[in-house]
Amino acid sequence: MSRKHIIVVGHAALDYVYQVEALPTSGTKLRATAHATSGGGMAANAAAAIARLGGDVSLWARIGDDAAGGIIRQQLRQAGVGTSHVRAFEHASSATAAVIVDKRGERLVISEDDREFPLSADWLPVSSVETAHAVLSDLTWLEGTVAAFQAARDRGIPTIVDVDLNAGPLFDKVIGLADYAIFSAPAFRKLVHGSSDEDRLARLVQSGIRHAGVTLGGHGYRWMSRDGEHGHQPAFRVHVVDTTGAGDAFHGAFAWGVANGLPDRDCVRIASAVAALSCTGLGARARLPTEDELNAFLAERR
């Protein structure tokens, strides 16, 4: 596919990932069987997934002017993500996380975010949104998201929002600017009223959302579109090493599909495949697939 430009707004972090035999149930000492220092953060991981697929992607994010921030920026560049608008702020600490992963791929995440980052988005080049074919946000930075989404809405550029439990009251402030809303299961059932998942999806579509969906982990993805389409995409079965960043990979790949003008059903299948493949390596970005690897994986499972 051609290199469509995609803007991703939100969180960038540095993950310290440790693989152990089993997650502890009480205070103890454990020896890791493997370790990785990996770029992290929901938006940053999604951007890395897009770049790996061959997309032209720019990340709009805030980091600290510190050692961790330097590694975050370096790893983004190595992944092929544009970092011109990843801004390092003095006297702020970059986000970091310790990720403990057991042999089944289940994880314990201990994260730290600096609450002193400036909120203003007046330094973002919102006029450059006109060069994008899609804009994705993880809702961790309300001001940046609203600025980018409003500019995209004014220019008819599709917007995709990743809604997790961290969204909270931000959800109501952004949902009116979103074309595609993809929820984690806990956020979906907390933030959207309804008697069933189908009822919740229908309410979102009736409110003006072009596509609404919910990620269900190993149970796949359920979705509905304004065009009357709906479906359930089962999760692809793979050997799971680490589930960290699987949802981020899903959102990035979905945005890549939207930017390339693919039908919803194809975007969903591609996103599910990329999320599954991302679980086969240690760290959120170790096994993100190229477009050729994605196509080969899907061809085997057609």
C-alpha atoms as a PDB file:
ATOM      1  CA  MET A   1       0.000   0.000   0.000  1.00  0.00           C
ATOM      2  CA  SER A   2       1.067   3.607  -0.388  1.00  0.00           C
ATOM      3  CA  ARG A   3       2.607   5.479   2.557  1.00  0.00           C
ATOM      4  CA  LYS A   4      -0.384   7.359   3.952  1.00  0.00           C
ATOM      5  CA  HIS A   5       0.418   9.932   6.627  1.00  0.00           C
ATOM      6  CA  ILE A   6      -1.067   9.267  10.073  1.00  0.00           C
ATOM      7  CA  ILE A   7      -0.793  11.455  13.184  1.00  0.00           C
ATOM      8  CA  VAL A   8      -0.891   9.796  16.608  1.00  0.00           C
ATOM      9  CA  VAL A   9      -1.458  11.891  19.747  1.00  0.00           C
ATOM     10  CA  GLY A  10      -0.785  10.838  23.325  1.00  0.00           C
ATOM     11  CA  HIS A  11       1.459   8.808  25.575  1.00  0.00           C
ATOM     12  CA  ALA A  12       5.124   7.863  25.144  1.00  0.00           C
ATOM     13  CA  ALA A  13       7.029   5.936  27.798  1.00  0.00           C
ATOM     14  CA  LEU A  14       9.937   3.625  28.507  1.00  0.00           C
ATOM     15  CA  ASP A  15       9.207   0.048  29.625  1.00  0.00           C
ATOM     16  CA  TYR A  16      11.546  -2.183  31.594  1.00  0.00           C
ATOM     17  CA  VAL A  17      10.232  -5.680  30.855  1.00  0.00           C
ATOM     18  CA  TYR A  18      11.116  -8.751  32.954  1.00  0.00           C
ATOM     19  CA  GLN A  19       9.994 -12.270  32.125  1.00  0.00           C
ATOM     20  CA  VAL A  20       9.485 -14.650  35.061  1.00  0.00           C
ATOM     21  CA  GLU A  21       8.110 -18.157  35.480  1.00  0.00           C
ATOM     22  CA  ALA A  22       5.056 -17.009  37.438  1.00  0.00           C
ATOM     23  CA  LEU A  23       3.720 -13.758  38.846  1.00  0.00           C
ATOM     24  CA  PRO A  24       4.247 -13.514  42.632  1.00  0.00           C
ATOM     25  CA  THR A  25       1.304 -13.781  44.998  1.00  0.00           C
ATOM     26  CA  SER A  26       3.203 -12.314  47.948  1.00  0.00           C
ATOM     27  CA  GLY A  27       6.383 -10.418  48.746  1.00  0.00           C
ATOM     28  CA  THR A  28       9.410 -12.288  47.406  1.00  0.00           C
ATOM     29  CA  LYS A  29      12.511 -12.143  45.216  1.00  0.00           C
ATOM     30  CA  LEU A  30      12.420 -13.482  41.656  1.00  0.00           C
ATOM     31  CA  ARG A  31      15.069 -14.028  39.005  1.00  0.00           C
ATOM     32  CA  ALA A  32      14.066 -12.967  35.499  1.00  0.00           C
ATOM     33  CA  THR A  33      14.480 -15.469  32.665  1.00  0.00           C
ATOM     34  CA  ALA A  34      14.674 -12.624  30.110  1.00  0.00           C
ATOM     35  CA  HIS A  35      14.735  -8.836  30.097  1.00  0.00           C
ATOM     36  CA  ALA A  36      14.115  -6.065  27.569  1.00  0.00           C
ATOM     37  CA  THR A  37      14.217  -2.284  27.645  1.00  0.00           C
ATOM     38  CA  SER A  38      11.432  -1.361  25.277  1.00  0.00           C
ATOM     39  CA  GLY A  39       9.734   1.749  24.040  1.00  0.00           C
ATOM     40  CA  GLY A  40       6.267   1.976  25.572  1.00  0.00           C
ATOM     41  CA  GLY A  41       3.215   4.179  25.899  1.00  0.00           C
ATOM     42  CA  MET A  42      -0.099   3.576  24.159  1.00  0.00           C
ATOM     43  CA  ALA A  43       0.194   6.195  21.429  1.00  0.00           C
ATOM     44  CA  ALA A  44       3.898   5.550  20.879  1.00  0.00           C
ATOM     45  CA  ASN A  45       3.350   1.802  20.506  1.00  0.00           C
ATOM     46  CA  ALA A  46       0.497   2.392  18.068  1.00  0.00           C
ATOM     47  CA  ALA A  47       2.735   4.714  16.058  1.00  0.00           C
ATOM     48  CA  ALA A  48       5.473   2.057  15.993  1.00  0.00           C
ATOM     49  CA  ALA A  49       2.963  -0.497  14.674  1.00  0.00           C
ATOM     50  CA  ILE A  50       1.990   1.898  11.865  1.00  0.00           C
ATOM     51  CA  ALA A  51       5.614   2.571  10.954  1.00  0.00           C
ATOM     52  CA  ARG A  52       6.409  -1.151  10.907  1.00  0.00           C
ATOM     53  CA  LEU A  53       3.547  -1.685   8.433  1.00  0.00           C
ATOM     54  CA  GLY A  54       5.125   0.947   6.187  1.00  0.00           C
ATOM     55  CA  GLY A  55       2.984   3.925   7.187  1.00  0.00           C
ATOM     56  CA  ASP A  56       4.273   7.497   7.356  1.00  0.00           C
ATOM     57  CA  VAL A  57       3.527   8.313  10.983  1.00  0.00           C
ATOM     58  CA  SER A  58       4.152  11.307  13.250  1.00  0.00           C
ATOM     59  CA  LEU A  59       3.806  11.180  17.031  1.00  0.00           C
ATOM     60  CA  TRP A  60       2.608  14.254  18.933  1.00  0.00           C
ATOM     61  CA  ALA A  61       3.605  13.679  22.550  1.00  0.00           C
ATOM     62  CA  ARG A  62       5.293  15.053  25.675  1.00  0.00           C
ATOM     63  CA  ILE A  63       8.358  13.580  27.364  1.00  0.00           C
ATOM     64  CA  GLY A  64      10.806  14.771  29.984  1.00  0.00           C
ATOM     65  CA  ASP A  65      14.167  16.331  29.219  1.00  0.00           C
ATOM     66  CA  ASP A  66      15.921  13.439  30.955  1.00  0.00           C
ATOM     67  CA  ALA A  67      17.795  10.224  30.221  1.00  0.00           C
ATOM     68  CA  ALA A  68      14.617   8.181  29.824  1.00  0.00           C
ATOM     69  CA  GLY A  69      13.262  10.769  27.400  1.00  0.00           C
ATOM     70  CA  GLY A  70      16.407  10.463  25.301  1.00  0.00           C
ATOM     71  CA  ILE A  71      15.941   6.685  25.057  1.00  0.00           C
ATOM     72  CA  ILE A  72      12.237   7.082  24.236  1.00  0.00           C
ATOM     73  CA  ARG A  73      13.021   9.436  21.352  1.00  0.00           C
ATOM     74  CA  GLN A  74      15.881   7.225  20.092  1.00  0.00           C
ATOM     75  CA  GLN A  75      13.704   4.105  20.062  1.00  0.00           C
ATOM     76  CA  LEU A  76      10.902   5.929  18.268  1.00  0.00           C
ATOM     77  CA  ARG A  77      13.296   7.024  15.548  1.00  0.00           C
ATOM     78  CA  GLN A  78      14.662   3.493  15.249  1.00  0.00           C
ATOM     79  CA  ALA A  79      11.082   2.301  14.793  1.00  0.00           C
ATOM     80  CA  GLY A  80      10.576   4.777  11.944  1.00  0.00           C
ATOM     81  CA  VAL A  81       8.259   7.150  13.838  1.00  0.00           C
ATOM     82  CA  GLY A  82       8.472  10.880  13.163  1.00  0.00           C
ATOM     83  CA  THR A  83       9.494  12.687  16.359  1.00  0.00           C
ATOM     84  CA  SER A  84       9.594  16.337  15.287  1.00  0.00           C
ATOM     85  CA  HIS A  85       6.635  17.019  17.571  1.00  0.00           C
ATOM     86  CA  VAL A  86       7.676  14.874  20.521  1.00  0.00           C
ATOM     87  CA  ARG A  87       8.531  17.700  22.895  1.00  0.00           C
ATOM     88  CA  ALA A  88      10.882  17.343  25.851  1.00  0.00           C
ATOM     89  CA  PHE A  89      10.031  19.569  28.811  1.00  0.00           C
ATOM     90  CA  GLU A  90      12.550  20.675  31.419  1.00  0.00           C
ATOM     91  CA  HIS A  91      11.860  19.750  35.037  1.00  0.00           C
ATOM     92  CA  ALA A  92       9.488  16.965  33.922  1.00  0.00           C
ATOM     93  CA  SER A  93      10.145  13.246  34.204  1.00  0.00           C
ATOM     94  CA  SER A  94       9.447  10.921  31.308  1.00  0.00           C
ATOM     95  CA  ALA A  95       6.901   8.173  31.910  1.00  0.00           C
ATOM     96  CA  THR A  96       8.378   4.767  32.790  1.00  0.00           C
ATOM     97  CA  ALA A  97       6.965   1.361  33.652  1.00  0.00           C
ATOM     98  CA  ALA A  98       8.125  -1.939  35.100  1.00  0.00           C
ATOM     99  CA  VAL A  99       6.409  -4.799  33.282  1.00  0.00           C
ATOM    100  CA  ILE A 100       6.538  -8.283  34.845  1.00  0.00           C
ATOM    101  CA  VAL A 101       5.478 -11.026  32.406  1.00  0.00           C
ATOM    102  CA  ASP A 102       4.888 -14.692  33.260  1.00  0.00           C
ATOM    103  CA  LYS A 103       5.391 -17.696  30.973  1.00  0.00           C
ATOM    104  CA  ARG A 104       1.747 -17.515  29.801  1.00  0.00           C
ATOM    105  CA  GLY A 105       2.167 -13.918  28.656  1.00  0.00           C
ATOM    106  CA  GLU A 106       0.093 -12.424  31.458  1.00  0.00           C
ATOM    107  CA  ARG A 107       1.589  -9.291  32.953  1.00  0.00           C
ATOM    108  CA  LEU A 108       1.802  -6.978  35.933  1.00  0.00           C
ATOM    109  CA  VAL A 109       2.461  -3.340  35.019  1.00  0.00           C
ATOM    110  CA  ILE A 110       3.716  -0.740  37.501  1.00  0.00           C
ATOM    111  CA  SER A 111       3.808   2.660  35.819  1.00  0.00           C
ATOM    112  CA  GLU A 112       4.793   6.187  36.759  1.00  0.00           C
ATOM    113  CA  ASP A 113       3.634   9.326  34.960  1.00  0.00           C
ATOM    114  CA  ASP A 114       4.731  12.878  35.706  1.00  0.00           C
ATOM    115  CA  ARG A 115       1.674  15.006  36.468  1.00  0.00           C
ATOM    116  CA  GLU A 116       3.671  18.193  35.926  1.00  0.00           C
ATOM    117  CA  PHE A 117       3.633  18.133  32.117  1.00  0.00           C
ATOM    118  CA  PRO A 118       2.244  21.376  30.656  1.00  0.00           C
ATOM    119  CA  LEU A 119      -1.286  20.796  29.391  1.00  0.00           C
ATOM    120  CA  SER A 120      -1.338  23.438  26.664  1.00  0.00           C
ATOM    121  CA  ALA A 121      -1.269  22.224  23.059  1.00  0.00           C
ATOM    122  CA  ASP A 122      -0.665  25.647  21.496  1.00  0.00           C
ATOM    123  CA  TRP A 123       2.742  24.497  20.207  1.00  0.00           C
ATOM    124  CA  LEU A 124       1.270  21.729  18.052  1.00  0.00           C
ATOM    125  CA  PRO A 125       1.266  22.381  14.264  1.00  0.00           C
ATOM    126  CA  VAL A 126      -2.457  21.739  13.838  1.00  0.00           C
ATOM    127  CA  SER A 127      -2.451  23.159  10.307  1.00  0.00           C
ATOM    128  CA  SER A 128      -0.299  20.196   9.255  1.00  0.00           C
ATOM    129  CA  VAL A 129      -3.233  17.879   9.977  1.00  0.00           C
ATOM    130  CA  GLU A 130      -4.327  18.588   6.407  1.00  0.00           C
ATOM    131  CA  THR A 131      -1.509  16.284   5.220  1.00  0.00           C
ATOM    132  CA  ALA A 132      -2.826  13.358   7.268  1.00  0.00           C
ATOM    133  CA  HIS A 133      -5.146  10.563   6.181  1.00  0.00           C
ATOM    134  CA  ALA A 134      -6.116   9.679   9.763  1.00  0.00           C
ATOM    135  CA  VAL A 135      -5.574  10.933  13.330  1.00  0.00           C
ATOM    136  CA  LEU A 136      -5.419   8.550  16.301  1.00  0.00           C
ATOM    137  CA  SER A 137      -5.448   9.421  20.022  1.00  0.00           C
ATOM    138  CA  ASP A 138      -5.152   7.377  23.212  1.00  0.00           C
ATOM    139  CA  LEU A 139      -6.925  10.092  25.275  1.00  0.00           C
ATOM    140  CA  THR A 140      -4.028  10.619  27.665  1.00  0.00           C
ATOM    141  CA  TRP A 141      -3.652  14.267  26.642  1.00  0.00           C
ATOM    142  CA  LEU A 142      -7.021  15.995  26.317  1.00  0.00           C
ATOM    143  CA  GLU A 143      -5.755  19.351  25.037  1.00  0.00           C
ATOM    144  CA  GLY A 144      -3.616  17.773  22.326  1.00  0.00           C
ATOM    145  CA  THR A 145      -6.402  15.422  21.293  1.00  0.00           C
ATOM    146  CA  VAL A 146      -9.038  18.146  21.013  1.00  0.00           C
ATOM    147  CA  ALA A 147      -6.699  20.377  18.982  1.00  0.00           C
ATOM    148  CA  ALA A 148      -5.803  17.585  16.552  1.00  0.00           C
ATOM    149  CA  PHE A 149      -9.321  16.137  16.293  1.00  0.00           C
ATOM    150  CA  GLN A 150     -10.956  19.536  15.741  1.00  0.00           C
ATOM    151  CA  ALA A 151      -8.489  20.320  12.957  1.00  0.00           C
ATOM    152  CA  ALA A 152      -9.138  16.899  11.433  1.00  0.00           C
ATOM    153  CA  ARG A 153     -12.923  17.297  11.682  1.00  0.00           C
ATOM    154  CA  ASP A 154     -12.719  20.684   9.954  1.00  0.00           C
ATOM    155  CA  ARG A 155     -10.852  19.046   7.068  1.00  0.00           C
ATOM    156  CA  GLY A 156     -12.888  15.852   6.805  1.00  0.00           C
ATOM    157  CA  ILE A 157     -10.029  13.614   8.027  1.00  0.00           C
ATOM    158  CA  PRO A 158     -11.099  10.496   9.982  1.00  0.00           C
ATOM    159  CA  THR A 159     -10.338  10.337  13.698  1.00  0.00           C
ATOM    160  CA  ILE A 160      -9.869   7.214  15.802  1.00  0.00           C
ATOM    161  CA  VAL A 161      -9.982   7.201  19.588  1.00  0.00           C
ATOM    162  CA  ASP A 162      -8.626   4.494  21.907  1.00  0.00           C
ATOM    163  CA  VAL A 163     -10.864   4.511  24.984  1.00  0.00           C
ATOM    164  CA  ASP A 164      -9.533   2.816  28.122  1.00  0.00           C
ATOM    165  CA  LEU A 165     -10.430   3.241  31.778  1.00  0.00           C
ATOM    166  CA  ASN A 166      -8.022   6.164  32.011  1.00  0.00           C
ATOM    167  CA  ALA A 167     -10.402   8.153  29.764  1.00  0.00           C
ATOM    168  CA  GLY A 168     -12.995   8.838  32.481  1.00  0.00           C
ATOM    169  CA  PRO A 169     -14.544  12.310  32.055  1.00  0.00           C
ATOM    170  CA  LEU A 170     -12.352  12.959  28.988  1.00  0.00           C
ATOM    171  CA  PHE A 171     -14.561  10.571  27.036  1.00  0.00           C
ATOM    172  CA  ASP A 172     -17.521  12.967  26.929  1.00  0.00           C
ATOM    173  CA  LYS A 173     -15.284  15.848  25.805  1.00  0.00           C
ATOM    174  CA  VAL A 174     -13.833  13.990  22.820  1.00  0.00           C
ATOM    175  CA  ILE A 175     -16.396  11.463  21.636  1.00  0.00           C
ATOM    176  CA  GLY A 176     -18.252  14.090  19.599  1.00  0.00           C
ATOM    177  CA  LEU A 177     -15.095  14.634  17.516  1.00  0.00           C
ATOM    178  CA  ALA A 178     -14.404  10.923  16.934  1.00  0.00           C
ATOM    179  CA  ASP A 179     -15.350   8.909  13.861  1.00  0.00           C
ATOM    180  CA  TYR A 180     -14.075   5.568  15.157  1.00  0.00           C
ATOM    181  CA  ALA A 181     -14.292   4.656  18.850  1.00  0.00           C
ATOM    182  CA  ILE A 182     -12.494   1.512  20.022  1.00  0.00           C
ATOM    183  CA  PHE A 183     -12.975   0.572  23.680  1.00  0.00           C
ATOM    184  CA  SER A 184     -11.333  -1.811  26.086  1.00  0.00           C
ATOM    185  CA  ALA A 185     -13.953  -4.100  27.608  1.00  0.00           C
ATOM    186  CA  PRO A 186     -13.857  -2.515  31.118  1.00  0.00           C
ATOM    187  CA  ALA A 187     -14.124   1.028  29.709  1.00  0.00           C
ATOM    188  CA  PHE A 188     -16.916   0.000  27.344  1.00  0.00           C
ATOM    189  CA  ARG A 189     -19.094  -1.371  30.118  1.00  0.00           C
ATOM    190  CA  LYS A 190     -18.326   1.492  32.481  1.00  0.00           C
ATOM    191  CA  LEU A 191     -18.684   4.457  30.118  1.00  0.00           C
ATOM    192  CA  VAL A 192     -21.419   3.316  27.717  1.00  0.00           C
ATOM    193  CA  HIS A 193     -24.892   2.594  29.042  1.00  0.00           C
ATOM    194  CA  GLY A 194     -26.842  -0.356  27.674  1.00  0.00           C
ATOM    195  CA  SER A 195     -28.339  -3.728  28.480  1.00  0.00           C
ATOM    196  CA  SER A 196     -25.834  -5.668  26.341  1.00  0.00           C
ATOM    197  CA  ASP A 197     -22.719  -5.118  24.252  1.00  0.00           C
ATOM    198  CA  GLU A 198     -24.848  -4.977  21.105  1.00  0.00           C
ATOM    199  CA  ASP A 199     -27.095  -2.367  22.702  1.00  0.00           C
ATOM    200  CA  ARG A 200     -24.079  -0.273  23.722  1.00  0.00           C
ATOM    201  CA  LEU A 201     -22.624  -0.443  20.204  1.00  0.00           C
ATOM    202  CA  ALA A 202     -25.965   0.552  18.709  1.00  0.00           C
ATOM    203  CA  ARG A 203     -26.239   3.558  21.045  1.00  0.00           C
ATOM    204  CA  LEU A 204     -22.780   4.757  20.004  1.00  0.00           C
ATOM    205  CA  VAL A 205     -23.547   4.415  16.312  1.00  0.00           C
ATOM    206  CA  GLN A 206     -26.878   6.187  16.758  1.00  0.00           C
ATOM    207  CA  SER A 207     -25.048   9.050  18.487  1.00  0.00           C
ATOM    208  CA  GLY A 208     -23.036   9.705  15.317  1.00  0.00           C
ATOM    209  CA  ILE A 209     -19.993   7.432  15.660  1.00  0.00           C
ATOM    210  CA  ARG A 210     -19.052   5.917  12.283  1.00  0.00           C
ATOM    211  CA  HIS A 211     -17.666   2.731  13.835  1.00  0.00           C
ATOM    212  CA  ALA A 212     -17.784   1.492  17.428  1.00  0.00           C
ATOM    213  CA  GLY A 213     -16.041  -1.568  18.769  1.00  0.00           C
ATOM    214  CA  VAL A 214     -14.767  -3.298  21.878  1.00  0.00           C
ATOM    215  CA  THR A 215     -11.581  -5.347  22.246  1.00  0.00           C
ATOM    216  CA  LEU A 216     -12.149  -8.546  24.231  1.00  0.00           C
ATOM    217  CA  GLY A 217      -8.625  -9.907  24.585  1.00  0.00           C
ATOM    218  CA  GLY A 218      -8.559 -13.599  23.750  1.00  0.00           C
ATOM    219  CA  HIS A 219     -12.253 -13.420  22.840  1.00  0.00           C
ATOM    220  CA  GLY A 220     -11.632 -11.142  19.869  1.00  0.00           C
ATOM    221  CA  TYR A 221     -13.320  -7.912  18.800  1.00  0.00           C
ATOM    222  CA  ARG A 222     -17.012  -7.006  18.495  1.00  0.00           C
ATOM    223  CA  TRP A 223     -18.063  -4.038  16.370  1.00  0.00           C
ATOM    224  CA  MET A 224     -20.830  -2.154  14.597  1.00  0.00           C
ATOM    225  CA  SER A 225     -20.773   0.536  11.912  1.00  0.00           C
ATOM    226  CA  ARG A 226     -23.083   3.345  10.875  1.00  0.00           C
ATOM    227  CA  ASP A 227     -23.523   1.603   7.513  1.00  0.00           C
ATOM    228  CA  GLY A 228     -25.354  -1.240   9.214  1.00  0.00           C
ATOM    229  CA  GLU A 229     -22.461  -3.687   9.247  1.00  0.00           C
ATOM    230  CA  HIS A 230     -21.598  -5.523  12.423  1.00  0.00           C
ATOM    231  CA  GLY A 231     -19.545  -8.510  13.383  1.00  0.00           C
ATOM    232  CA  HIS A 232     -17.317 -10.429  15.726  1.00  0.00           C
ATOM    233  CA  GLN A 233     -13.678 -11.049  14.815  1.00  0.00           C
ATOM    234  CA  PRO A 234     -12.261 -14.022  16.751  1.00  0.00           C
ATOM    235  CA  ALA A 235      -8.763 -13.603  18.152  1.00  0.00           C
ATOM    236  CA  PHE A 236      -6.018 -15.267  16.107  1.00  0.00           C
ATOM    237  CA  ARG A 237      -4.292 -18.094  17.955  1.00  0.00           C
ATOM    238  CA  VAL A 238      -0.534 -17.646  18.382  1.00  0.00           C
ATOM    239  CA  HIS A 239       2.145 -18.684  20.864  1.00  0.00           C
ATOM    240  CA  VAL A 240       1.872 -15.865  23.409  1.00  0.00           C
ATOM    241  CA  VAL A 241       5.065 -14.549  24.976  1.00  0.00           C
ATOM    242  CA  ASP A 242       3.936 -11.120  26.177  1.00  0.00           C
ATOM    243  CA  THR A 243       0.569  -9.374  25.778  1.00  0.00           C
ATOM    244  CA  THR A 244       2.017  -5.932  26.586  1.00  0.00           C
ATOM    245  CA  GLY A 245       0.999  -3.422  23.916  1.00  0.00           C
ATOM    246  CA  ALA A 246      -1.340  -5.765  22.028  1.00  0.00           C
ATOM    247  CA  GLY A 247      -4.189  -3.272  22.258  1.00  0.00           C
ATOM    248  CA  ASP A 248      -1.883  -0.459  21.118  1.00  0.00           C
ATOM    249  CA  ALA A 249      -0.841  -2.548  18.099  1.00  0.00           C
ATOM    250  CA  PHE A 250      -4.532  -3.151  17.339  1.00  0.00           C
ATOM    251  CA  HIS A 251      -5.310   0.576  17.349  1.00  0.00           C
ATOM    252  CA  GLY A 252      -2.291   1.465  15.233  1.00  0.00           C
ATOM    253  CA  ALA A 253      -3.043  -1.189  12.630  1.00  0.00           C
ATOM    254  CA  PHE A 254      -6.717  -0.200  12.570  1.00  0.00           C
ATOM    255  CA  ALA A 255      -5.754   3.439  11.919  1.00  0.00           C
ATOM    256  CA  TRP A 256      -3.397   2.260   9.150  1.00  0.00           C
ATOM    257  CA  GLY A 257      -6.305   0.447   7.522  1.00  0.00           C
ATOM    258  CA  VAL A 258      -8.578   3.488   7.825  1.00  0.00           C
ATOM    259  CA  ALA A 259      -5.918   5.748   6.311  1.00  0.00           C
ATOM    260  CA  ASN A 260      -5.644   3.369   3.356  1.00  0.00           C
ATOM    261  CA  GLY A 261      -9.397   3.464   2.766  1.00  0.00           C
ATOM    262  CA  LEU A 262     -10.064  -0.176   3.670  1.00  0.00           C
ATOM    263  CA  PRO A 263     -13.563  -1.397   4.623  1.00  0.00           C
ATOM    264  CA  ASP A 264     -14.235  -1.748   8.324  1.00  0.00           C
ATOM    265  CA  ARG A 265     -14.225  -5.540   8.176  1.00  0.00           C
ATOM    266  CA  ASP A 266     -10.742  -5.554   6.641  1.00  0.00           C
ATOM    267  CA  CYS A 267      -9.463  -2.989   9.174  1.00  0.00           C
ATOM    268  CA  VAL A 268     -10.727  -5.214  11.973  1.00  0.00           C
ATOM    269  CA  ARG A 269      -9.104  -8.379  10.597  1.00  0.00           C
ATOM    270  CA  ILE A 270      -5.777  -6.626   9.991  1.00  0.00           C
ATOM    271  CA  ALA A 271      -5.789  -5.040  13.448  1.00  0.00           C
ATOM    272  CA  SER A 272      -6.558  -8.376  15.100  1.00  0.00           C
ATOM    273  CA  ALA A 273      -3.713 -10.064  13.228  1.00  0.00           C
ATOM    274  CA  VAL A 274      -1.179  -7.356  14.107  1.00  0.00           C
ATOM    275  CA  ALA A 275      -2.240  -7.490  17.767  1.00  0.00           C
ATOM    276  CA  ALA A 276      -1.816 -11.267  17.814  1.00  0.00           C
ATOM    277  CA  LEU A 277       1.614 -11.149  16.175  1.00  0.00           C
ATOM    278  CA  SER A 278       2.755  -8.475  18.633  1.00  0.00           C
ATOM    279  CA  CYS A 279       2.188 -10.956  21.473  1.00  0.00           C
ATOM    280  CA  THR A 280       4.841 -13.371  20.140  1.00  0.00           C
ATOM    281  CA  GLY A 281       7.828 -11.346  21.402  1.00  0.00           C
ATOM    282  CA  LEU A 282       8.988  -9.851  24.688  1.00  0.00           C
ATOM    283  CA  GLY A 283       8.114  -6.143  24.873  1.00  0.00           C
ATOM    284  CA  ALA A 284       5.470  -4.157  23.054  1.00  0.00           C
ATOM    285  CA  ARG A 285       7.436  -3.657  19.822  1.00  0.00           C
ATOM    286  CA  ALA A 286       9.681  -6.702  19.434  1.00  0.00           C
ATOM    287  CA  ARG A 287       7.379  -8.613  17.061  1.00  0.00           C
ATOM    288  CA  LEU A 288       5.364  -5.932  15.286  1.00  0.00           C
ATOM    289  CA  PRO A 289       4.924  -7.237  11.719  1.00  0.00           C
ATOM    290  CA  THR A 290       5.812  -5.663   8.390  1.00  0.00           C
ATOM    291  CA  GLU A 291       3.094  -5.516   5.729  1.00  0.00           C
ATOM    292  CA  ASP A 292       4.596  -8.584   4.018  1.00  0.00           C
ATOM    293  CA  GLU A 293       4.644 -10.525   7.292  1.00  0.00           C
ATOM    294  CA  LEU A 294       1.055  -9.483   7.971  1.00  0.00           C
ATOM    295  CA  ASN A 295      -0.098 -10.604   4.519  1.00  0.00           C
ATOM    296  CA  ALA A 296       1.664 -13.949   4.881  1.00  0.00           C
ATOM    297  CA  PHE A 297       0.062 -14.518   8.293  1.00  0.00           C
ATOM    298  CA  LEU A 298      -3.414 -13.691   6.966  1.00  0.00           C
ATOM    299  CA  ALA A 299      -2.942 -15.823   3.853  1.00  0.00           C
ATOM    300  CA  GLU A 300      -2.210 -18.850   6.036  1.00  0.00           C
ATOM    301  CA  ARG A 301      -5.469 -18.278   7.917  1.00  0.00           C
ATOM    302  CA  ARG A 302      -7.762 -17.312   5.061  1.00  0.00           C
END
